[in-house]
Amino acid sequence: MQSEALIDLYKKFYAQRSVLGEAPSLSIDTAQFPTENQAQQMETELVAVVSYLLGVSSIKNYTTEQLIQMVEKGYGEQPFWKNLLLDYCQYQLDREKDELMSESFALQMEVLQALDALEEADEEKERMIQAFADKIKAAKFPVDAVKLVRNFLKMSAVNAEKARETLITNPAYFAPIQTQNDMGKVVLSPKEASDTNKRLGKFLKSLKN
C-alpha cells in the first residue's frame, strides 16, 4: 500500500539524518507507527529533504522523470545517495500510477452512470410509447400503434410543431391505416380508410388534450 511505502521510504532517509547536515529536519520517530496526520508530515518533510539534496527550491516544480535525470547527473558517483534518491523517485512513480488508476476508475464509473441514465431514459421512453399505443389499440383503430407513436416522436425531435399538427390531421403519415386483414382480405375501402384516418386524428387530439 502507498502509506506503507511512504513509511519505509521515510525510515531510509531518517536513518541518515545525522549526516544530512543543514538539510530540513526529519522529525518523526519511525520507531512508533505514524498516525494519518504524521504520514502527511512525512510526505512534506521528504519533499523538503529531497529538494535540498537536489539543490532546488521544491521538487514539486519538476516531473518525476526530470528528478530522475537530476539524480543521475548529480549523484552518479555517489551510489548510496543515488539509490536512495531513486527510491524516492520510484515512490513518486508508483503514487502517480495509483492516482491515474484511481482517476481511470472514477471516469469509468461516470461513464457507467451515464449509460445507466441513458438506458433508464430509453426504458422510460419505451414505456411511454407502449402506454400511448395501448390507448390507440384499445380504441380498435386498424393501425400499427407502436409504429405510429415511434415515428411521431422521431419527427417531433426535429420539428415538434409540425409533428403535432400532422398527428391530429393525418396520423396515417406515421403509420398507414391497415386496409387488409392478416389473410390479405380487403376490409376497408379507400374512403373508409380516409374516414378512419380522420377519426384517428380526432381521437389523438382528444388524448393530447
N, C-alpha and C. Protein backbone atom coordinates (compact mmCIF):
# COMPACT_ATOMS: atom_id res chain seq x y z
N MET A 1 0.84 -1.20 0.00
CA MET A 1 0.00 0.00 0.00
C MET A 1 0.87 1.24 0.00
N GLN A 2 0.32 2.34 -0.48
CA GLN A 2 1.08 3.57 -0.65
C GLN A 2 1.59 4.11 0.69
N SER A 3 0.77 4.05 1.74
CA SER A 3 1.18 4.56 3.04
C SER A 3 2.35 3.76 3.60
N GLU A 4 2.35 2.46 3.40
CA GLU A 4 3.45 1.62 3.86
C GLU A 4 4.73 1.95 3.11
N ALA A 5 4.60 2.19 1.81
CA ALA A 5 5.76 2.55 1.01
C ALA A 5 6.34 3.88 1.48
N LEU A 6 5.47 4.80 1.85
CA LEU A 6 5.92 6.10 2.35
C LEU A 6 6.69 5.94 3.66
N ILE A 7 6.17 5.12 4.56
CA ILE A 7 6.82 4.90 5.84
C ILE A 7 8.20 4.26 5.65
N ASP A 8 8.26 3.25 4.79
CA ASP A 8 9.54 2.58 4.52
C ASP A 8 10.55 3.56 3.95
N LEU A 9 10.10 4.41 3.05
CA LEU A 9 10.98 5.39 2.44
C LEU A 9 11.46 6.41 3.47
N TYR A 10 10.55 6.85 4.30
CA TYR A 10 10.90 7.84 5.33
C TYR A 10 11.95 7.25 6.28
N LYS A 11 11.80 5.98 6.62
CA LYS A 11 12.75 5.33 7.52
C LYS A 11 14.16 5.33 6.92
N LYS A 12 14.26 5.13 5.61
CA LYS A 12 15.57 5.12 4.96
C LYS A 12 16.25 6.47 5.07
N PHE A 13 15.48 7.53 4.85
CA PHE A 13 16.05 8.87 4.96
C PHE A 13 16.31 9.22 6.43
N TYR A 14 15.38 8.81 7.30
CA TYR A 14 15.51 9.12 8.72
C TYR A 14 16.80 8.52 9.30
N ALA A 15 17.16 7.36 8.79
CA ALA A 15 18.37 6.69 9.28
C ALA A 15 19.63 7.48 8.93
N GLN A 16 19.55 8.39 7.97
CA GLN A 16 20.70 9.18 7.54
C GLN A 16 20.64 10.61 8.06
N ARG A 17 19.74 10.89 8.99
CA ARG A 17 19.53 12.27 9.42
C ARG A 17 20.78 12.90 10.03
N SER A 18 21.64 12.07 10.63
CA SER A 18 22.83 12.61 11.28
C SER A 18 23.87 13.11 10.29
N VAL A 19 23.78 12.67 9.03
CA VAL A 19 24.77 13.09 8.03
C VAL A 19 24.17 14.03 6.99
N LEU A 20 22.94 14.44 7.23
CA LEU A 20 22.29 15.32 6.26
C LEU A 20 22.64 16.78 6.47
N GLY A 21 23.44 17.07 7.47
CA GLY A 21 23.93 18.43 7.67
C GLY A 21 22.83 19.44 7.88
N GLU A 22 22.80 20.46 7.01
CA GLU A 22 21.84 21.55 7.13
C GLU A 22 20.53 21.26 6.41
N ALA A 23 20.31 20.05 6.03
CA ALA A 23 19.06 19.69 5.35
C ALA A 23 17.88 19.91 6.29
N PRO A 24 16.69 20.13 5.75
CA PRO A 24 15.48 20.25 6.59
C PRO A 24 15.34 19.01 7.47
N SER A 25 14.77 19.20 8.63
CA SER A 25 14.73 18.12 9.61
C SER A 25 13.73 17.02 9.25
N LEU A 26 14.05 15.83 9.73
CA LEU A 26 13.13 14.70 9.68
C LEU A 26 12.75 14.44 11.13
N SER A 27 11.57 14.83 11.53
CA SER A 27 11.24 14.96 12.95
C SER A 27 10.41 13.83 13.54
N ILE A 28 9.99 12.89 12.70
CA ILE A 28 9.09 11.85 13.20
C ILE A 28 9.88 10.59 13.56
N ASP A 29 9.70 10.16 14.79
CA ASP A 29 10.38 8.95 15.26
C ASP A 29 9.75 7.73 14.59
N THR A 30 10.51 7.08 13.74
CA THR A 30 9.97 5.95 12.96
C THR A 30 9.82 4.68 13.79
N ALA A 31 10.27 4.74 15.04
CA ALA A 31 10.09 3.55 15.90
C ALA A 31 8.64 3.37 16.30
N GLN A 32 7.85 4.44 16.18
CA GLN A 32 6.43 4.38 16.51
C GLN A 32 5.61 4.45 15.23
N PHE A 33 4.53 3.70 15.20
CA PHE A 33 3.69 3.68 13.99
C PHE A 33 3.03 5.05 13.82
N PRO A 34 3.22 5.69 12.68
CA PRO A 34 2.70 7.05 12.49
C PRO A 34 1.19 7.08 12.32
N THR A 35 0.62 8.20 12.74
CA THR A 35 -0.81 8.42 12.51
C THR A 35 -0.99 8.95 11.09
N GLU A 36 -2.25 9.11 10.68
CA GLU A 36 -2.52 9.63 9.34
C GLU A 36 -1.94 11.02 9.18
N ASN A 37 -2.05 11.84 10.22
CA ASN A 37 -1.50 13.19 10.14
C ASN A 37 0.01 13.16 10.03
N GLN A 38 0.65 12.23 10.72
CA GLN A 38 2.09 12.10 10.63
C GLN A 38 2.52 11.63 9.25
N ALA A 39 1.73 10.81 8.62
CA ALA A 39 2.04 10.36 7.27
C ALA A 39 2.10 11.55 6.32
N GLN A 40 1.16 12.49 6.48
CA GLN A 40 1.17 13.69 5.66
C GLN A 40 2.42 14.52 5.96
N GLN A 41 2.79 14.57 7.23
CA GLN A 41 4.00 15.31 7.61
C GLN A 41 5.25 14.64 7.04
N MET A 42 5.26 13.32 7.04
CA MET A 42 6.37 12.59 6.42
C MET A 42 6.54 13.00 4.96
N GLU A 43 5.42 13.04 4.26
CA GLU A 43 5.45 13.42 2.85
C GLU A 43 6.05 14.81 2.69
N THR A 44 5.60 15.74 3.51
CA THR A 44 6.09 17.12 3.44
C THR A 44 7.58 17.21 3.73
N GLU A 45 8.02 16.50 4.77
CA GLU A 45 9.43 16.54 5.15
C GLU A 45 10.32 15.88 4.10
N LEU A 46 9.84 14.80 3.51
CA LEU A 46 10.62 14.15 2.45
C LEU A 46 10.78 15.06 1.24
N VAL A 47 9.72 15.75 0.88
CA VAL A 47 9.81 16.70 -0.23
C VAL A 47 10.88 17.74 0.05
N ALA A 48 10.90 18.26 1.28
CA ALA A 48 11.87 19.29 1.65
C ALA A 48 13.30 18.75 1.60
N VAL A 49 13.51 17.54 2.13
CA VAL A 49 14.86 16.96 2.15
C VAL A 49 15.36 16.64 0.75
N VAL A 50 14.50 16.02 -0.07
CA VAL A 50 14.91 15.67 -1.44
C VAL A 50 15.16 16.94 -2.24
N SER A 51 14.35 17.96 -2.02
CA SER A 51 14.57 19.24 -2.70
C SER A 51 15.95 19.79 -2.34
N TYR A 52 16.30 19.71 -1.04
CA TYR A 52 17.61 20.18 -0.56
C TYR A 52 18.74 19.39 -1.23
N LEU A 53 18.60 18.07 -1.27
CA LEU A 53 19.66 17.23 -1.83
C LEU A 53 19.85 17.46 -3.33
N LEU A 54 18.77 17.83 -4.01
CA LEU A 54 18.87 18.07 -5.45
C LEU A 54 19.14 19.53 -5.77
N GLY A 55 19.20 20.37 -4.74
CA GLY A 55 19.55 21.77 -4.94
C GLY A 55 18.50 22.60 -5.63
N VAL A 56 17.22 22.26 -5.38
CA VAL A 56 16.13 23.04 -5.97
C VAL A 56 15.21 23.53 -4.86
N SER A 57 14.43 24.58 -5.17
CA SER A 57 13.55 25.13 -4.15
C SER A 57 12.44 24.16 -3.77
N SER A 58 11.93 23.45 -4.76
CA SER A 58 10.90 22.44 -4.49
C SER A 58 10.83 21.46 -5.64
N ILE A 59 10.90 20.19 -5.30
CA ILE A 59 10.82 19.16 -6.35
C ILE A 59 9.42 19.09 -6.95
N LYS A 60 8.45 19.73 -6.29
CA LYS A 60 7.08 19.73 -6.83
C LYS A 60 6.99 20.51 -8.14
N ASN A 61 8.02 21.28 -8.44
CA ASN A 61 8.05 22.05 -9.68
C ASN A 61 8.58 21.23 -10.85
N TYR A 62 8.90 19.99 -10.60
CA TYR A 62 9.50 19.15 -11.63
C TYR A 62 8.73 17.84 -11.77
N THR A 63 8.81 17.28 -12.95
CA THR A 63 8.21 15.96 -13.15
C THR A 63 9.14 14.91 -12.54
N THR A 64 8.60 13.73 -12.31
CA THR A 64 9.42 12.66 -11.74
C THR A 64 10.55 12.28 -12.70
N GLU A 65 10.27 12.31 -13.99
CA GLU A 65 11.29 11.99 -14.98
C GLU A 65 12.44 13.00 -14.90
N GLN A 66 12.10 14.27 -14.69
CA GLN A 66 13.14 15.29 -14.56
C GLN A 66 13.96 15.07 -13.30
N LEU A 67 13.29 14.65 -12.22
CA LEU A 67 14.00 14.38 -10.98
C LEU A 67 15.00 13.23 -11.15
N ILE A 68 14.60 12.21 -11.87
CA ILE A 68 15.49 11.07 -12.12
C ILE A 68 16.74 11.53 -12.86
N GLN A 69 16.55 12.40 -13.85
CA GLN A 69 17.69 12.93 -14.59
C GLN A 69 18.61 13.73 -13.69
N MET A 70 18.02 14.50 -12.77
CA MET A 70 18.81 15.30 -11.84
C MET A 70 19.61 14.39 -10.90
N VAL A 71 18.99 13.30 -10.46
CA VAL A 71 19.68 12.35 -9.59
C VAL A 71 20.85 11.71 -10.32
N GLU A 72 20.60 11.27 -11.54
CA GLU A 72 21.66 10.63 -12.33
C GLU A 72 22.83 11.59 -12.55
N LYS A 73 22.52 12.84 -12.80
CA LYS A 73 23.56 13.83 -13.07
C LYS A 73 24.30 14.24 -11.80
N GLY A 74 23.57 14.46 -10.72
CA GLY A 74 24.20 14.98 -9.51
C GLY A 74 24.81 13.93 -8.60
N TYR A 75 24.33 12.69 -8.69
CA TYR A 75 24.79 11.65 -7.76
C TYR A 75 25.29 10.39 -8.47
N GLY A 76 25.71 10.58 -9.72
CA GLY A 76 26.21 9.43 -10.47
C GLY A 76 27.41 8.76 -9.85
N GLU A 77 28.21 9.54 -9.10
CA GLU A 77 29.41 8.98 -8.47
C GLU A 77 29.18 8.65 -6.99
N GLN A 78 27.95 8.79 -6.54
CA GLN A 78 27.63 8.50 -5.13
C GLN A 78 26.49 7.48 -5.09
N PRO A 79 26.80 6.21 -5.27
CA PRO A 79 25.75 5.18 -5.43
C PRO A 79 24.76 5.10 -4.27
N PHE A 80 25.23 5.32 -3.03
CA PHE A 80 24.30 5.22 -1.91
C PHE A 80 23.20 6.26 -2.02
N TRP A 81 23.62 7.55 -2.16
CA TRP A 81 22.63 8.62 -2.24
C TRP A 81 21.84 8.56 -3.56
N LYS A 82 22.50 8.12 -4.60
CA LYS A 82 21.80 7.95 -5.87
C LYS A 82 20.66 6.95 -5.72
N ASN A 83 20.94 5.81 -5.12
CA ASN A 83 19.91 4.78 -4.96
C ASN A 83 18.80 5.24 -4.01
N LEU A 84 19.21 5.97 -2.96
CA LEU A 84 18.21 6.46 -2.02
C LEU A 84 17.26 7.45 -2.69
N LEU A 85 17.83 8.36 -3.47
CA LEU A 85 17.00 9.34 -4.17
C LEU A 85 16.16 8.67 -5.27
N LEU A 86 16.72 7.66 -5.90
CA LEU A 86 15.94 6.93 -6.91
C LEU A 86 14.80 6.15 -6.25
N ASP A 87 15.00 5.71 -5.01
CA ASP A 87 13.90 5.09 -4.28
C ASP A 87 12.75 6.08 -4.11
N TYR A 88 13.12 7.32 -3.82
CA TYR A 88 12.07 8.34 -3.69
C TYR A 88 11.36 8.54 -5.03
N CYS A 89 12.13 8.59 -6.11
CA CYS A 89 11.53 8.75 -7.45
C CYS A 89 10.60 7.59 -7.78
N GLN A 90 11.00 6.38 -7.38
CA GLN A 90 10.16 5.21 -7.63
C GLN A 90 8.86 5.32 -6.84
N TYR A 91 8.96 5.82 -5.62
CA TYR A 91 7.77 6.04 -4.80
C TYR A 91 6.82 7.01 -5.50
N GLN A 92 7.40 8.07 -6.06
CA GLN A 92 6.60 9.05 -6.77
C GLN A 92 5.92 8.44 -8.00
N LEU A 93 6.67 7.64 -8.74
CA LEU A 93 6.11 6.99 -9.92
C LEU A 93 4.96 6.06 -9.55
N ASP A 94 5.15 5.30 -8.47
CA ASP A 94 4.09 4.39 -8.02
C ASP A 94 2.85 5.17 -7.59
N ARG A 95 3.07 6.29 -6.91
CA ARG A 95 1.92 7.08 -6.47
C ARG A 95 1.18 7.68 -7.66
N GLU A 96 1.94 8.16 -8.64
CA GLU A 96 1.32 8.71 -9.85
C GLU A 96 0.51 7.63 -10.57
N LYS A 97 1.05 6.42 -10.59
CA LYS A 97 0.33 5.30 -11.22
C LYS A 97 -0.97 5.03 -10.49
N ASP A 98 -0.90 5.03 -9.16
CA ASP A 98 -2.11 4.79 -8.36
C ASP A 98 -3.15 5.88 -8.60
N GLU A 99 -2.69 7.13 -8.70
CA GLU A 99 -3.60 8.24 -8.93
C GLU A 99 -4.26 8.13 -10.30
N LEU A 100 -3.46 7.71 -11.30
CA LEU A 100 -4.03 7.53 -12.63
C LEU A 100 -5.07 6.43 -12.65
N MET A 101 -4.78 5.34 -11.93
CA MET A 101 -5.73 4.23 -11.86
C MET A 101 -7.00 4.68 -11.16
N SER A 102 -6.84 5.47 -10.11
CA SER A 102 -8.00 5.97 -9.38
C SER A 102 -8.84 6.88 -10.26
N GLU A 103 -8.16 7.76 -11.02
CA GLU A 103 -8.87 8.66 -11.93
C GLU A 103 -9.57 7.87 -13.03
N SER A 104 -8.87 6.82 -13.52
CA SER A 104 -9.46 5.98 -14.55
C SER A 104 -10.72 5.28 -14.04
N PHE A 105 -10.63 4.79 -12.80
CA PHE A 105 -11.79 4.12 -12.21
C PHE A 105 -12.95 5.09 -12.04
N ALA A 106 -12.64 6.31 -11.59
CA ALA A 106 -13.68 7.32 -11.41
C ALA A 106 -14.34 7.66 -12.75
N LEU A 107 -13.50 7.74 -13.80
CA LEU A 107 -14.04 8.03 -15.13
C LEU A 107 -14.92 6.89 -15.61
N GLN A 108 -14.49 5.66 -15.36
CA GLN A 108 -15.30 4.51 -15.75
C GLN A 108 -16.66 4.53 -15.04
N MET A 109 -16.64 4.91 -13.78
CA MET A 109 -17.88 4.97 -13.02
C MET A 109 -18.80 6.05 -13.59
N GLU A 110 -18.22 7.18 -13.98
CA GLU A 110 -19.02 8.26 -14.57
C GLU A 110 -19.66 7.78 -15.88
N VAL A 111 -18.87 7.05 -16.68
CA VAL A 111 -19.39 6.54 -17.96
C VAL A 111 -20.52 5.55 -17.70
N LEU A 112 -20.31 4.65 -16.73
CA LEU A 112 -21.33 3.66 -16.41
C LEU A 112 -22.61 4.33 -15.90
N GLN A 113 -22.45 5.36 -15.08
CA GLN A 113 -23.61 6.09 -14.57
C GLN A 113 -24.35 6.77 -15.71
N ALA A 114 -23.58 7.34 -16.65
CA ALA A 114 -24.20 8.00 -17.80
C ALA A 114 -24.95 6.98 -18.66
N LEU A 115 -24.34 5.81 -18.86
CA LEU A 115 -25.00 4.76 -19.64
C LEU A 115 -26.27 4.28 -18.94
N ASP A 116 -26.18 4.15 -17.62
CA ASP A 116 -27.36 3.74 -16.86
C ASP A 116 -28.48 4.75 -17.01
N ALA A 117 -28.11 6.04 -16.98
CA ALA A 117 -29.11 7.10 -17.12
C ALA A 117 -29.74 7.05 -18.51
N LEU A 118 -28.92 6.81 -19.54
CA LEU A 118 -29.43 6.71 -20.90
C LEU A 118 -30.36 5.50 -21.04
N GLU A 119 -29.93 4.39 -20.44
CA GLU A 119 -30.75 3.18 -20.50
C GLU A 119 -32.08 3.40 -19.80
N GLU A 120 -32.04 4.07 -18.66
CA GLU A 120 -33.26 4.35 -17.92
C GLU A 120 -34.18 5.27 -18.73
N ALA A 121 -33.55 6.25 -19.41
CA ALA A 121 -34.33 7.18 -20.24
C ALA A 121 -34.97 6.43 -21.41
N ASP A 122 -34.21 5.50 -22.01
CA ASP A 122 -34.75 4.70 -23.11
C ASP A 122 -35.92 3.83 -22.64
N GLU A 123 -35.75 3.25 -21.46
CA GLU A 123 -36.81 2.41 -20.91
C GLU A 123 -38.06 3.22 -20.62
N GLU A 124 -37.86 4.42 -20.10
CA GLU A 124 -39.00 5.30 -19.83
C GLU A 124 -39.69 5.70 -21.13
N LYS A 125 -38.89 5.95 -22.16
CA LYS A 125 -39.44 6.31 -23.47
C LYS A 125 -40.27 5.14 -24.03
N GLU A 126 -39.75 3.93 -23.89
CA GLU A 126 -40.47 2.77 -24.38
C GLU A 126 -41.77 2.56 -23.62
N ARG A 127 -41.75 2.80 -22.31
CA ARG A 127 -42.98 2.68 -21.52
C ARG A 127 -44.01 3.70 -21.96
N MET A 128 -43.55 4.91 -22.26
CA MET A 128 -44.46 5.96 -22.72
C MET A 128 -45.04 5.62 -24.10
N ILE A 129 -44.19 5.10 -24.99
CA ILE A 129 -44.66 4.70 -26.31
C ILE A 129 -45.72 3.62 -26.20
N GLN A 130 -45.43 2.61 -25.36
CA GLN A 130 -46.36 1.50 -25.21
C GLN A 130 -47.69 1.95 -24.59
N ALA A 131 -47.61 2.83 -23.60
CA ALA A 131 -48.83 3.32 -22.94
C ALA A 131 -49.71 4.08 -23.92
N PHE A 132 -49.09 4.92 -24.74
CA PHE A 132 -49.83 5.69 -25.74
C PHE A 132 -50.41 4.78 -26.80
N ALA A 133 -49.59 3.79 -27.22
CA ALA A 133 -50.05 2.85 -28.25
C ALA A 133 -51.19 1.99 -27.73
N ASP A 134 -51.16 1.62 -26.46
CA ASP A 134 -52.22 0.80 -25.88
C ASP A 134 -53.57 1.51 -25.95
N LYS A 135 -53.57 2.82 -25.78
CA LYS A 135 -54.82 3.59 -25.87
C LYS A 135 -55.38 3.55 -27.28
N ILE A 136 -54.49 3.61 -28.27
CA ILE A 136 -54.93 3.53 -29.67
C ILE A 136 -55.48 2.14 -29.96
N LYS A 137 -54.77 1.11 -29.46
CA LYS A 137 -55.23 -0.27 -29.69
C LYS A 137 -56.57 -0.52 -29.01
N ALA A 138 -56.71 0.04 -27.79
CA ALA A 138 -57.95 -0.16 -27.05
C ALA A 138 -59.14 0.45 -27.79
N ALA A 139 -58.91 1.49 -28.59
CA ALA A 139 -59.98 2.14 -29.36
C ALA A 139 -60.26 1.41 -30.67
N LYS A 140 -59.54 0.31 -30.92
CA LYS A 140 -59.78 -0.57 -32.08
C LYS A 140 -59.47 0.09 -33.42
N PHE A 141 -58.51 1.00 -33.46
CA PHE A 141 -58.13 1.58 -34.75
C PHE A 141 -57.20 0.63 -35.48
N PRO A 142 -57.47 0.36 -36.76
CA PRO A 142 -56.66 -0.57 -37.55
C PRO A 142 -55.34 0.08 -38.00
N VAL A 143 -54.39 0.17 -37.09
CA VAL A 143 -53.12 0.82 -37.39
C VAL A 143 -52.05 0.23 -36.47
N ASP A 144 -50.83 0.23 -36.93
CA ASP A 144 -49.71 -0.20 -36.09
C ASP A 144 -49.43 0.93 -35.10
N ALA A 145 -50.01 0.81 -33.91
CA ALA A 145 -49.97 1.92 -32.95
C ALA A 145 -48.56 2.23 -32.48
N VAL A 146 -47.76 1.21 -32.22
CA VAL A 146 -46.38 1.44 -31.76
C VAL A 146 -45.58 2.17 -32.82
N LYS A 147 -45.72 1.75 -34.07
CA LYS A 147 -45.02 2.40 -35.18
C LYS A 147 -45.47 3.85 -35.30
N LEU A 148 -46.75 4.09 -35.15
CA LEU A 148 -47.28 5.45 -35.25
C LEU A 148 -46.63 6.37 -34.20
N VAL A 149 -46.64 5.90 -32.96
CA VAL A 149 -46.09 6.72 -31.87
C VAL A 149 -44.59 6.91 -32.04
N ARG A 150 -43.89 5.87 -32.42
CA ARG A 150 -42.44 5.95 -32.57
C ARG A 150 -42.06 6.94 -33.67
N ASN A 151 -42.75 6.87 -34.81
CA ASN A 151 -42.45 7.78 -35.92
C ASN A 151 -42.85 9.23 -35.58
N PHE A 152 -43.93 9.36 -34.82
CA PHE A 152 -44.33 10.70 -34.36
C PHE A 152 -43.22 11.32 -33.50
N LEU A 153 -42.64 10.54 -32.60
CA LEU A 153 -41.58 11.05 -31.73
C LEU A 153 -40.34 11.42 -32.53
N LYS A 154 -40.04 10.65 -33.58
CA LYS A 154 -38.89 10.97 -34.41
C LYS A 154 -39.05 12.32 -35.08
N MET A 155 -40.24 12.56 -35.64
CA MET A 155 -40.49 13.85 -36.26
C MET A 155 -40.52 14.96 -35.21
N SER A 156 -41.08 14.66 -34.06
CA SER A 156 -41.20 15.66 -33.00
C SER A 156 -39.84 16.14 -32.54
N ALA A 157 -38.84 15.25 -32.58
CA ALA A 157 -37.50 15.63 -32.17
C ALA A 157 -36.89 16.64 -33.13
N VAL A 158 -37.36 16.62 -34.38
CA VAL A 158 -36.85 17.55 -35.40
C VAL A 158 -37.71 18.80 -35.49
N ASN A 159 -39.04 18.60 -35.50
CA ASN A 159 -39.97 19.72 -35.63
C ASN A 159 -41.23 19.38 -34.85
N ALA A 160 -41.26 19.78 -33.60
CA ALA A 160 -42.35 19.40 -32.71
C ALA A 160 -43.70 19.95 -33.17
N GLU A 161 -43.71 21.18 -33.64
CA GLU A 161 -44.98 21.80 -34.05
C GLU A 161 -45.57 21.08 -35.26
N LYS A 162 -44.72 20.78 -36.25
CA LYS A 162 -45.19 20.07 -37.44
C LYS A 162 -45.66 18.67 -37.07
N ALA A 163 -44.95 18.02 -36.17
CA ALA A 163 -45.31 16.67 -35.75
C ALA A 163 -46.68 16.66 -35.09
N ARG A 164 -46.94 17.60 -34.21
CA ARG A 164 -48.25 17.66 -33.53
C ARG A 164 -49.38 17.93 -34.52
N GLU A 165 -49.14 18.84 -35.45
CA GLU A 165 -50.16 19.15 -36.45
C GLU A 165 -50.46 17.95 -37.33
N THR A 166 -49.42 17.24 -37.75
CA THR A 166 -49.59 16.05 -38.58
C THR A 166 -50.31 14.95 -37.82
N LEU A 167 -50.02 14.82 -36.55
CA LEU A 167 -50.62 13.77 -35.73
C LEU A 167 -52.14 13.88 -35.68
N ILE A 168 -52.65 15.10 -35.60
CA ILE A 168 -54.10 15.27 -35.44
C ILE A 168 -54.82 15.48 -36.76
N THR A 169 -54.09 15.74 -37.85
CA THR A 169 -54.73 15.95 -39.15
C THR A 169 -54.52 14.78 -40.10
N ASN A 170 -53.39 14.10 -39.98
CA ASN A 170 -53.09 12.99 -40.87
C ASN A 170 -52.20 11.96 -40.18
N PRO A 171 -52.73 11.30 -39.14
CA PRO A 171 -51.91 10.34 -38.38
C PRO A 171 -51.40 9.18 -39.22
N ALA A 172 -52.07 8.89 -40.33
CA ALA A 172 -51.62 7.80 -41.19
C ALA A 172 -50.26 8.08 -41.81
N TYR A 173 -49.81 9.33 -41.72
CA TYR A 173 -48.48 9.68 -42.22
C TYR A 173 -47.43 8.90 -41.42
N PHE A 174 -47.71 8.66 -40.16
CA PHE A 174 -46.75 7.98 -39.29
C PHE A 174 -46.88 6.46 -39.38
N ALA A 175 -48.07 5.98 -39.65
CA ALA A 175 -48.31 4.54 -39.82
C ALA A 175 -49.61 4.41 -40.62
N PRO A 176 -49.58 3.73 -41.76
CA PRO A 176 -50.76 3.68 -42.62
C PRO A 176 -51.94 2.94 -41.98
N ILE A 177 -53.14 3.38 -42.33
CA ILE A 177 -54.34 2.65 -41.92
C ILE A 177 -54.31 1.29 -42.60
N GLN A 178 -54.54 0.24 -41.83
CA GLN A 178 -54.48 -1.11 -42.37
C GLN A 178 -55.82 -1.45 -43.05
N THR A 179 -55.77 -1.58 -44.36
CA THR A 179 -57.00 -1.83 -45.13
C THR A 179 -57.21 -3.31 -45.42
N GLN A 180 -56.25 -4.16 -45.01
CA GLN A 180 -56.38 -5.60 -45.22
C GLN A 180 -56.18 -6.32 -43.89
N ASN A 181 -56.82 -7.48 -43.77
CA ASN A 181 -56.61 -8.27 -42.56
C ASN A 181 -55.39 -9.17 -42.73
N ASP A 182 -55.15 -10.03 -41.76
CA ASP A 182 -53.96 -10.88 -41.80
C ASP A 182 -53.98 -11.87 -42.95
N MET A 183 -55.18 -12.15 -43.48
CA MET A 183 -55.31 -13.08 -44.60
C MET A 183 -55.17 -12.38 -45.95
N GLY A 184 -54.99 -11.06 -45.93
CA GLY A 184 -54.86 -10.31 -47.17
C GLY A 184 -56.18 -9.85 -47.75
N LYS A 185 -57.27 -10.05 -46.99
CA LYS A 185 -58.59 -9.64 -47.48
C LYS A 185 -58.80 -8.16 -47.21
N VAL A 186 -59.32 -7.45 -48.22
CA VAL A 186 -59.60 -6.02 -48.06
C VAL A 186 -60.76 -5.84 -47.10
N VAL A 187 -60.53 -5.08 -46.04
CA VAL A 187 -61.58 -4.86 -45.04
C VAL A 187 -62.01 -3.40 -44.98
N LEU A 188 -61.23 -2.51 -45.61
CA LEU A 188 -61.58 -1.09 -45.66
C LEU A 188 -61.38 -0.56 -47.06
N SER A 189 -62.37 0.15 -47.56
CA SER A 189 -62.24 0.79 -48.86
C SER A 189 -61.37 2.03 -48.69
N PRO A 190 -60.91 2.61 -49.79
CA PRO A 190 -60.12 3.85 -49.68
C PRO A 190 -60.85 4.94 -48.92
N LYS A 191 -62.19 5.08 -49.15
CA LYS A 191 -62.93 6.12 -48.44
C LYS A 191 -63.02 5.79 -46.96
N GLU A 192 -63.25 4.51 -46.64
CA GLU A 192 -63.33 4.11 -45.24
C GLU A 192 -61.99 4.31 -44.53
N ALA A 193 -60.90 4.06 -45.25
CA ALA A 193 -59.57 4.28 -44.68
C ALA A 193 -59.35 5.76 -44.41
N SER A 194 -59.82 6.60 -45.35
CA SER A 194 -59.69 8.05 -45.16
C SER A 194 -60.51 8.52 -43.97
N ASP A 195 -61.72 7.99 -43.84
CA ASP A 195 -62.58 8.37 -42.71
C ASP A 195 -61.95 7.91 -41.39
N THR A 196 -61.39 6.70 -41.43
CA THR A 196 -60.74 6.17 -40.22
C THR A 196 -59.55 7.04 -39.82
N ASN A 197 -58.83 7.50 -40.82
CA ASN A 197 -57.68 8.37 -40.56
C ASN A 197 -58.13 9.66 -39.87
N LYS A 198 -59.25 10.21 -40.33
CA LYS A 198 -59.77 11.44 -39.73
C LYS A 198 -60.23 11.18 -38.30
N ARG A 199 -60.95 10.05 -38.11
CA ARG A 199 -61.41 9.72 -36.75
C ARG A 199 -60.23 9.50 -35.80
N LEU A 200 -59.19 8.87 -36.33
CA LEU A 200 -57.99 8.64 -35.51
C LEU A 200 -57.35 9.97 -35.11
N GLY A 201 -57.34 10.91 -36.06
CA GLY A 201 -56.77 12.23 -35.76
C GLY A 201 -57.53 12.92 -34.64
N LYS A 202 -58.87 12.85 -34.71
CA LYS A 202 -59.69 13.47 -33.66
C LYS A 202 -59.47 12.77 -32.32
N PHE A 203 -59.35 11.45 -32.38
CA PHE A 203 -59.12 10.68 -31.17
C PHE A 203 -57.78 11.09 -30.53
N LEU A 204 -56.75 11.19 -31.36
CA LEU A 204 -55.42 11.57 -30.85
C LEU A 204 -55.42 13.00 -30.30
N LYS A 205 -56.21 13.85 -30.93
CA LYS A 205 -56.32 15.23 -30.43
C LYS A 205 -56.95 15.25 -29.04
N SER A 206 -57.92 14.39 -28.86
CA SER A 206 -58.56 14.34 -27.54
C SER A 206 -57.60 13.78 -26.49
N LEU A 207 -56.76 12.83 -26.90
CA LEU A 207 -55.76 12.31 -25.98
C LEU A 207 -54.73 13.39 -25.64
N LYS A 208 -54.38 14.16 -26.61
CA LYS A 208 -53.40 15.24 -26.43
C LYS A 208 -53.91 16.26 -25.43
N ASN A 209 -55.21 16.50 -25.50
CA ASN A 209 -55.79 17.49 -24.60
C ASN A 209 -56.03 16.87 -23.23
